């Protein structure tokens, strides 16, 4: 059993759902020699999330952003945590709903994603900085 870990640095992105599969693969531990294993991704932030979803049609990402903005509105009168901007508390709620981590199977040296699946950075802030992800690969070589 082999373990490997790296830190992935993503450049700042605007609010929305962003396909980052290639950026993650470029900086994550190399799975090419892993016969069978798991790649765990954990974002070290509370106002962004990670998800797996459609990798072909960008309309899906736009629809997700619009739906989450409808589902978790800004300036709700019951929010008490408001000092960091109107989108900050909704960003924390979206992080809880979507989640800060993913576990992706690795098979024969490749992520075992479906044909139409990609890794998303779900950026919930209007003016966020870069994001950092801990990538841990465990598997049998």
N, C-alpha and C. Protein backbone atom coordinates (compact mmCIF):
# COMPACT_ATOMS: atom_id res chain seq x y z
N UNK A 1 0.84 -1.17 0.00
CA UNK A 1 0.00 0.00 0.00
C UNK A 1 0.89 1.24 0.00
N UNK A 2 0.59 2.17 -0.85
CA UNK A 2 1.37 3.41 -0.98
C UNK A 2 0.45 4.60 -0.68
N UNK A 3 1.02 5.61 -0.02
CA UNK A 3 0.35 6.88 0.24
C UNK A 3 1.18 7.99 -0.38
N UNK A 4 0.52 8.97 -0.96
CA UNK A 4 1.21 10.15 -1.48
C UNK A 4 0.27 11.34 -1.29
N UNK A 5 0.85 12.51 -1.06
CA UNK A 5 0.02 13.68 -0.80
C UNK A 5 0.66 14.91 -1.41
N UNK A 6 -0.18 15.79 -1.92
CA UNK A 6 0.30 17.07 -2.43
C UNK A 6 -0.75 18.14 -2.16
N UNK A 7 -0.34 19.38 -2.32
CA UNK A 7 -1.23 20.51 -2.16
C UNK A 7 -1.46 21.14 -3.52
N UNK A 8 -2.71 21.33 -3.85
CA UNK A 8 -3.10 21.90 -5.14
C UNK A 8 -3.46 23.36 -4.91
N UNK A 9 -2.84 24.24 -5.68
CA UNK A 9 -3.13 25.67 -5.60
C UNK A 9 -3.92 26.07 -6.84
N UNK A 10 -5.13 26.55 -6.63
CA UNK A 10 -5.96 27.02 -7.75
C UNK A 10 -5.96 28.55 -7.75
N UNK A 11 -5.81 29.13 -8.91
CA UNK A 11 -5.85 30.58 -9.06
C UNK A 11 -7.24 31.09 -8.70
N UNK A 12 -7.34 32.35 -8.29
CA UNK A 12 -8.66 32.91 -7.99
C UNK A 12 -9.60 32.79 -9.20
N UNK A 13 -10.83 32.42 -8.91
CA UNK A 13 -11.86 32.29 -9.93
C UNK A 13 -13.08 33.08 -9.50
N UNK A 14 -13.87 33.55 -10.44
CA UNK A 14 -15.08 34.28 -10.06
C UNK A 14 -16.11 33.34 -9.45
N UNK A 15 -17.09 33.91 -8.82
CA UNK A 15 -18.17 33.13 -8.24
C UNK A 15 -18.79 32.24 -9.31
N UNK A 16 -19.05 30.98 -8.95
CA UNK A 16 -19.66 30.06 -9.90
C UNK A 16 -19.10 28.66 -9.73
N UNK A 17 -19.52 27.79 -10.62
CA UNK A 17 -19.11 26.40 -10.64
C UNK A 17 -18.11 26.23 -11.78
N UNK A 18 -16.89 25.80 -11.46
CA UNK A 18 -15.80 25.76 -12.42
C UNK A 18 -15.25 24.35 -12.57
N UNK A 19 -15.10 23.90 -13.81
CA UNK A 19 -14.51 22.60 -14.10
C UNK A 19 -13.00 22.71 -13.93
N UNK A 20 -12.45 21.98 -12.96
CA UNK A 20 -11.02 22.08 -12.63
C UNK A 20 -10.31 20.72 -12.69
N UNK A 21 -10.88 19.78 -13.39
CA UNK A 21 -10.30 18.44 -13.46
C UNK A 21 -8.84 18.48 -13.91
N UNK A 22 -8.55 19.20 -14.97
CA UNK A 22 -7.18 19.23 -15.50
C UNK A 22 -6.21 19.87 -14.52
N UNK A 23 -6.62 20.96 -13.86
CA UNK A 23 -5.76 21.61 -12.88
C UNK A 23 -5.47 20.69 -11.70
N UNK A 24 -6.50 19.95 -11.26
CA UNK A 24 -6.32 19.01 -10.16
C UNK A 24 -5.36 17.89 -10.57
N UNK A 25 -5.56 17.31 -11.73
CA UNK A 25 -4.69 16.21 -12.17
C UNK A 25 -3.24 16.66 -12.36
N UNK A 26 -3.05 17.92 -12.77
CA UNK A 26 -1.70 18.42 -12.99
C UNK A 26 -0.91 18.57 -11.69
N UNK A 27 -1.62 18.76 -10.56
CA UNK A 27 -0.93 19.00 -9.29
C UNK A 27 -1.12 17.90 -8.25
N UNK A 28 -2.06 16.99 -8.48
CA UNK A 28 -2.32 15.90 -7.53
C UNK A 28 -1.23 14.83 -7.66
N UNK A 29 -1.11 13.96 -6.67
CA UNK A 29 -0.19 12.82 -6.82
C UNK A 29 -0.52 12.05 -8.10
N UNK A 30 0.50 11.62 -8.78
CA UNK A 30 0.34 10.95 -10.07
C UNK A 30 -0.25 9.55 -9.88
N UNK A 31 -1.44 9.29 -10.44
CA UNK A 31 -2.07 7.98 -10.26
C UNK A 31 -1.64 6.94 -11.29
N UNK A 32 -0.76 7.28 -12.23
CA UNK A 32 -0.46 6.38 -13.34
C UNK A 32 0.06 5.01 -12.93
N UNK A 33 0.76 4.93 -11.81
CA UNK A 33 1.29 3.64 -11.37
C UNK A 33 0.40 2.97 -10.33
N UNK A 34 -0.75 3.55 -10.06
CA UNK A 34 -1.67 3.00 -9.07
C UNK A 34 -2.64 2.03 -9.75
N UNK A 35 -2.54 0.79 -9.37
CA UNK A 35 -3.43 -0.24 -9.95
C UNK A 35 -4.86 -0.07 -9.43
N UNK A 36 -4.97 0.20 -8.11
CA UNK A 36 -6.27 0.34 -7.48
C UNK A 36 -6.11 1.24 -6.27
N UNK A 37 -6.99 2.23 -6.14
CA UNK A 37 -6.84 3.11 -4.98
C UNK A 37 -7.92 4.17 -4.92
N UNK A 38 -7.64 5.19 -4.10
CA UNK A 38 -8.56 6.31 -3.89
C UNK A 38 -7.78 7.61 -3.88
N UNK A 39 -8.32 8.61 -4.56
CA UNK A 39 -7.80 9.96 -4.46
C UNK A 39 -8.79 10.77 -3.64
N UNK A 40 -8.32 11.27 -2.51
CA UNK A 40 -9.17 12.09 -1.65
C UNK A 40 -8.76 13.55 -1.84
N UNK A 41 -9.76 14.41 -2.08
CA UNK A 41 -9.53 15.85 -2.25
C UNK A 41 -10.28 16.59 -1.15
N UNK A 42 -9.59 17.51 -0.48
CA UNK A 42 -10.18 18.28 0.61
C UNK A 42 -9.82 19.75 0.43
N UNK A 43 -10.82 20.61 0.28
CA UNK A 43 -10.57 22.04 0.12
C UNK A 43 -10.46 22.68 1.50
N UNK A 44 -9.42 23.49 1.69
CA UNK A 44 -9.15 24.08 3.00
C UNK A 44 -9.81 25.45 3.16
N UNK A 45 -11.06 25.51 2.81
CA UNK A 45 -11.80 26.78 2.88
C UNK A 45 -13.24 26.48 3.28
N UNK A 46 -13.91 27.48 3.86
CA UNK A 46 -15.30 27.30 4.29
C UNK A 46 -16.30 28.04 3.41
N UNK A 47 -15.83 28.67 2.35
CA UNK A 47 -16.75 29.39 1.46
C UNK A 47 -16.60 28.94 0.01
N UNK A 48 -16.09 27.73 -0.17
CA UNK A 48 -16.00 27.08 -1.48
C UNK A 48 -16.19 25.59 -1.25
N UNK A 49 -16.55 24.88 -2.30
CA UNK A 49 -16.85 23.45 -2.19
C UNK A 49 -16.23 22.70 -3.36
N UNK A 50 -16.27 21.38 -3.26
CA UNK A 50 -15.86 20.50 -4.34
C UNK A 50 -17.04 19.60 -4.71
N UNK A 51 -17.18 19.32 -6.00
CA UNK A 51 -18.26 18.45 -6.46
C UNK A 51 -17.81 17.73 -7.72
N UNK A 52 -18.54 16.68 -8.06
CA UNK A 52 -18.37 15.99 -9.34
C UNK A 52 -19.69 16.11 -10.08
N UNK A 53 -19.60 16.55 -11.34
CA UNK A 53 -20.81 16.68 -12.13
C UNK A 53 -20.44 16.76 -13.61
N UNK A 54 -21.39 17.13 -14.42
CA UNK A 54 -21.30 17.21 -15.89
C UNK A 54 -20.05 17.95 -16.35
N UNK A 55 -19.30 17.34 -17.27
CA UNK A 55 -18.07 17.97 -17.74
C UNK A 55 -18.15 18.48 -19.17
N UNK A 56 -19.30 18.32 -19.83
CA UNK A 56 -19.38 18.67 -21.24
C UNK A 56 -20.13 19.98 -21.49
N UNK A 57 -21.31 20.13 -20.95
CA UNK A 57 -22.16 21.28 -21.25
C UNK A 57 -22.02 22.34 -20.16
N UNK A 58 -21.43 23.50 -20.47
CA UNK A 58 -21.26 24.55 -19.46
C UNK A 58 -22.58 25.11 -18.93
N UNK A 59 -23.67 24.88 -19.63
CA UNK A 59 -24.98 25.33 -19.13
C UNK A 59 -25.31 24.70 -17.78
N UNK A 60 -24.82 23.48 -17.56
CA UNK A 60 -25.06 22.81 -16.27
C UNK A 60 -24.46 23.63 -15.14
N UNK A 61 -23.24 24.10 -15.32
CA UNK A 61 -22.58 24.89 -14.28
C UNK A 61 -23.34 26.18 -14.00
N UNK A 62 -23.82 26.84 -15.05
CA UNK A 62 -24.61 28.05 -14.86
C UNK A 62 -25.92 27.77 -14.16
N UNK A 63 -26.58 26.67 -14.54
CA UNK A 63 -27.84 26.31 -13.89
C UNK A 63 -27.63 25.99 -12.41
N UNK A 64 -26.54 25.31 -12.10
CA UNK A 64 -26.26 25.02 -10.69
C UNK A 64 -26.05 26.31 -9.90
N UNK A 65 -25.29 27.24 -10.44
CA UNK A 65 -25.06 28.51 -9.75
C UNK A 65 -26.39 29.25 -9.51
N UNK A 66 -27.21 29.33 -10.54
CA UNK A 66 -28.50 30.02 -10.38
C UNK A 66 -29.40 29.30 -9.38
N UNK A 67 -29.41 27.98 -9.39
CA UNK A 67 -30.25 27.24 -8.45
C UNK A 67 -29.79 27.45 -7.01
N UNK A 68 -28.48 27.34 -6.78
CA UNK A 68 -27.98 27.53 -5.40
C UNK A 68 -28.21 28.96 -4.92
N UNK A 69 -28.11 29.95 -5.82
CA UNK A 69 -28.39 31.33 -5.41
C UNK A 69 -29.86 31.52 -5.06
N UNK A 70 -30.74 30.81 -5.73
CA UNK A 70 -32.16 30.85 -5.40
C UNK A 70 -32.43 30.12 -4.08
N UNK A 71 -31.80 28.97 -3.92
CA UNK A 71 -32.02 28.13 -2.75
C UNK A 71 -31.42 28.75 -1.48
N UNK A 72 -30.29 29.43 -1.62
CA UNK A 72 -29.59 30.03 -0.47
C UNK A 72 -29.38 31.52 -0.80
N UNK A 73 -30.38 32.35 -0.53
CA UNK A 73 -30.30 33.76 -0.94
C UNK A 73 -29.36 34.58 -0.06
N UNK A 74 -28.89 35.68 -0.63
CA UNK A 74 -28.14 36.66 0.15
C UNK A 74 -29.11 37.52 0.95
N UNK A 75 -28.59 38.15 2.00
CA UNK A 75 -29.33 39.13 2.80
C UNK A 75 -30.59 38.58 3.45
N UNK A 76 -30.61 37.30 3.75
CA UNK A 76 -31.76 36.74 4.46
C UNK A 76 -31.83 37.40 5.84
N UNK A 77 -33.00 37.78 6.28
CA UNK A 77 -33.10 38.54 7.54
C UNK A 77 -32.68 37.75 8.78
N UNK A 78 -32.62 36.43 8.69
CA UNK A 78 -32.24 35.64 9.86
C UNK A 78 -30.73 35.43 9.98
N UNK A 79 -29.92 35.87 9.00
CA UNK A 79 -28.47 35.74 9.11
C UNK A 79 -27.93 36.72 10.14
N UNK A 80 -27.08 36.25 11.03
CA UNK A 80 -26.39 37.10 12.00
C UNK A 80 -24.95 37.36 11.57
N UNK A 81 -24.34 36.40 10.88
CA UNK A 81 -22.95 36.52 10.41
C UNK A 81 -22.96 37.30 9.09
N UNK A 82 -22.82 38.63 9.17
CA UNK A 82 -22.95 39.48 7.98
C UNK A 82 -21.77 40.43 7.79
N UNK A 83 -20.77 40.38 8.65
CA UNK A 83 -19.69 41.37 8.60
C UNK A 83 -18.74 41.20 7.43
N UNK A 84 -18.73 40.03 6.78
CA UNK A 84 -17.79 39.79 5.68
C UNK A 84 -18.45 39.92 4.30
N UNK A 85 -19.61 40.52 4.23
CA UNK A 85 -20.27 40.74 2.95
C UNK A 85 -21.54 39.93 2.81
N UNK A 86 -22.40 40.35 1.90
CA UNK A 86 -23.71 39.71 1.77
C UNK A 86 -23.67 38.27 1.26
N UNK A 87 -22.58 37.89 0.59
CA UNK A 87 -22.50 36.51 0.07
C UNK A 87 -21.75 35.57 0.99
N UNK A 88 -21.21 36.08 2.11
CA UNK A 88 -20.38 35.24 2.96
C UNK A 88 -21.18 34.15 3.69
N UNK A 89 -22.24 34.51 4.37
CA UNK A 89 -23.03 33.48 5.08
C UNK A 89 -23.64 32.50 4.09
N UNK A 90 -24.21 32.95 2.96
CA UNK A 90 -24.68 31.97 1.98
C UNK A 90 -23.54 31.06 1.48
N UNK A 91 -22.32 31.59 1.39
CA UNK A 91 -21.19 30.76 0.97
C UNK A 91 -20.92 29.65 1.97
N UNK A 92 -21.01 29.95 3.25
CA UNK A 92 -20.82 28.91 4.28
C UNK A 92 -21.91 27.85 4.19
N UNK A 93 -23.14 28.28 3.97
CA UNK A 93 -24.26 27.34 3.86
C UNK A 93 -24.07 26.43 2.64
N UNK A 94 -23.68 27.01 1.51
CA UNK A 94 -23.45 26.23 0.29
C UNK A 94 -22.32 25.22 0.50
N UNK A 95 -21.29 25.62 1.26
CA UNK A 95 -20.20 24.69 1.56
C UNK A 95 -20.71 23.50 2.35
N UNK A 96 -21.60 23.75 3.30
CA UNK A 96 -22.16 22.65 4.09
C UNK A 96 -23.03 21.74 3.21
N UNK A 97 -23.80 22.33 2.32
CA UNK A 97 -24.70 21.54 1.46
C UNK A 97 -23.93 20.70 0.43
N UNK A 98 -22.92 21.28 -0.20
CA UNK A 98 -22.17 20.58 -1.24
C UNK A 98 -21.04 19.76 -0.66
N UNK A 99 -20.29 20.35 0.25
CA UNK A 99 -19.23 19.62 0.94
C UNK A 99 -17.84 20.06 0.56
N UNK A 100 -16.88 19.86 1.48
CA UNK A 100 -15.50 20.27 1.25
C UNK A 100 -14.61 19.17 0.67
N UNK A 101 -15.13 17.98 0.43
CA UNK A 101 -14.24 16.90 0.01
C UNK A 101 -14.88 15.95 -0.97
N UNK A 102 -14.01 15.24 -1.69
CA UNK A 102 -14.41 14.21 -2.64
C UNK A 102 -13.48 13.01 -2.46
N UNK A 103 -13.99 11.83 -2.70
CA UNK A 103 -13.17 10.63 -2.78
C UNK A 103 -13.46 9.98 -4.12
N UNK A 104 -12.42 9.85 -4.94
CA UNK A 104 -12.58 9.36 -6.31
C UNK A 104 -11.79 8.06 -6.46
N UNK A 105 -12.42 6.99 -6.95
CA UNK A 105 -11.68 5.75 -7.15
C UNK A 105 -10.62 5.90 -8.25
N UNK A 106 -9.54 5.18 -8.08
CA UNK A 106 -8.48 5.09 -9.08
C UNK A 106 -8.42 3.65 -9.55
N UNK A 107 -8.45 3.46 -10.86
CA UNK A 107 -8.40 2.11 -11.43
C UNK A 107 -7.41 2.09 -12.59
N UNK A 108 -6.46 1.20 -12.53
CA UNK A 108 -5.49 1.02 -13.60
C UNK A 108 -4.82 2.33 -14.02
N UNK A 109 -4.45 3.14 -13.02
CA UNK A 109 -3.69 4.36 -13.28
C UNK A 109 -4.48 5.58 -13.67
N UNK A 110 -5.80 5.51 -13.58
CA UNK A 110 -6.64 6.65 -13.98
C UNK A 110 -7.75 6.86 -12.96
N UNK A 111 -8.19 8.12 -12.84
CA UNK A 111 -9.38 8.36 -12.04
C UNK A 111 -10.55 7.66 -12.70
N UNK A 112 -11.34 6.95 -11.92
CA UNK A 112 -12.46 6.17 -12.46
C UNK A 112 -13.72 7.04 -12.49
N UNK A 113 -13.58 8.19 -13.15
CA UNK A 113 -14.74 9.06 -13.36
C UNK A 113 -15.54 8.55 -14.54
N UNK A 114 -16.83 8.81 -14.52
CA UNK A 114 -17.67 8.47 -15.67
C UNK A 114 -17.34 9.36 -16.86
N UNK A 115 -17.79 8.96 -18.02
CA UNK A 115 -17.50 9.69 -19.26
C UNK A 115 -17.83 11.17 -19.16
N UNK A 116 -18.94 11.50 -18.54
CA UNK A 116 -19.40 12.89 -18.51
C UNK A 116 -19.16 13.55 -17.15
N UNK A 117 -18.26 13.00 -16.34
CA UNK A 117 -18.01 13.56 -15.02
C UNK A 117 -16.70 14.33 -14.98
N UNK A 118 -16.74 15.44 -14.25
CA UNK A 118 -15.55 16.24 -14.02
C UNK A 118 -15.56 16.78 -12.60
N UNK A 119 -14.41 17.27 -12.16
CA UNK A 119 -14.27 17.82 -10.82
C UNK A 119 -14.56 19.31 -10.88
N UNK A 120 -15.43 19.78 -9.99
CA UNK A 120 -15.80 21.19 -9.93
C UNK A 120 -15.21 21.84 -8.69
N UNK A 121 -14.72 23.06 -8.87
CA UNK A 121 -14.55 23.98 -7.75
C UNK A 121 -15.81 24.83 -7.75
N UNK A 122 -16.52 24.79 -6.65
CA UNK A 122 -17.74 25.59 -6.49
C UNK A 122 -17.35 26.81 -5.67
N UNK A 123 -17.15 27.92 -6.35
CA UNK A 123 -16.72 29.15 -5.69
C UNK A 123 -17.96 29.95 -5.30
N UNK A 124 -18.11 30.17 -4.00
CA UNK A 124 -19.32 30.81 -3.49
C UNK A 124 -19.13 32.27 -3.12
N UNK A 125 -17.92 32.81 -3.24
CA UNK A 125 -17.66 34.22 -2.91
C UNK A 125 -17.50 35.03 -4.19
N UNK A 126 -17.86 36.31 -4.10
CA UNK A 126 -17.73 37.19 -5.26
C UNK A 126 -16.27 37.51 -5.59
N UNK A 127 -15.43 37.69 -4.56
CA UNK A 127 -14.04 38.11 -4.78
C UNK A 127 -13.09 37.27 -3.93
N UNK A 128 -13.13 35.98 -4.14
CA UNK A 128 -12.28 35.08 -3.35
C UNK A 128 -10.85 35.10 -3.86
N UNK A 129 -9.95 34.72 -3.00
CA UNK A 129 -8.57 34.54 -3.41
C UNK A 129 -8.38 33.15 -4.00
N UNK A 130 -7.14 32.75 -4.17
CA UNK A 130 -6.87 31.41 -4.63
C UNK A 130 -7.36 30.37 -3.63
N UNK A 131 -7.54 29.18 -4.09
CA UNK A 131 -8.03 28.10 -3.23
C UNK A 131 -6.99 26.99 -3.15
N UNK A 132 -6.94 26.35 -1.98
CA UNK A 132 -5.96 25.28 -1.74
C UNK A 132 -6.69 23.99 -1.43
N UNK A 133 -6.24 22.92 -2.07
CA UNK A 133 -6.84 21.59 -1.91
C UNK A 133 -5.74 20.62 -1.49
N UNK A 134 -6.01 19.82 -0.46
CA UNK A 134 -5.10 18.74 -0.09
C UNK A 134 -5.53 17.50 -0.88
N UNK A 135 -4.60 16.93 -1.62
CA UNK A 135 -4.87 15.74 -2.43
C UNK A 135 -4.08 14.57 -1.87
N UNK A 136 -4.77 13.52 -1.45
CA UNK A 136 -4.14 12.35 -0.85
C UNK A 136 -4.49 11.12 -1.69
N UNK A 137 -3.46 10.46 -2.19
CA UNK A 137 -3.64 9.23 -2.98
C UNK A 137 -3.21 8.04 -2.14
N UNK A 138 -4.10 7.08 -2.03
CA UNK A 138 -3.79 5.83 -1.35
C UNK A 138 -4.10 4.71 -2.33
N UNK A 139 -3.20 3.75 -2.42
CA UNK A 139 -3.51 2.66 -3.33
C UNK A 139 -2.44 1.58 -3.40
N UNK A 140 -2.72 0.63 -4.25
CA UNK A 140 -1.82 -0.49 -4.47
C UNK A 140 -1.10 -0.25 -5.80
N UNK A 141 0.20 -0.28 -5.72
CA UNK A 141 1.02 -0.10 -6.92
C UNK A 141 1.39 -1.41 -7.51
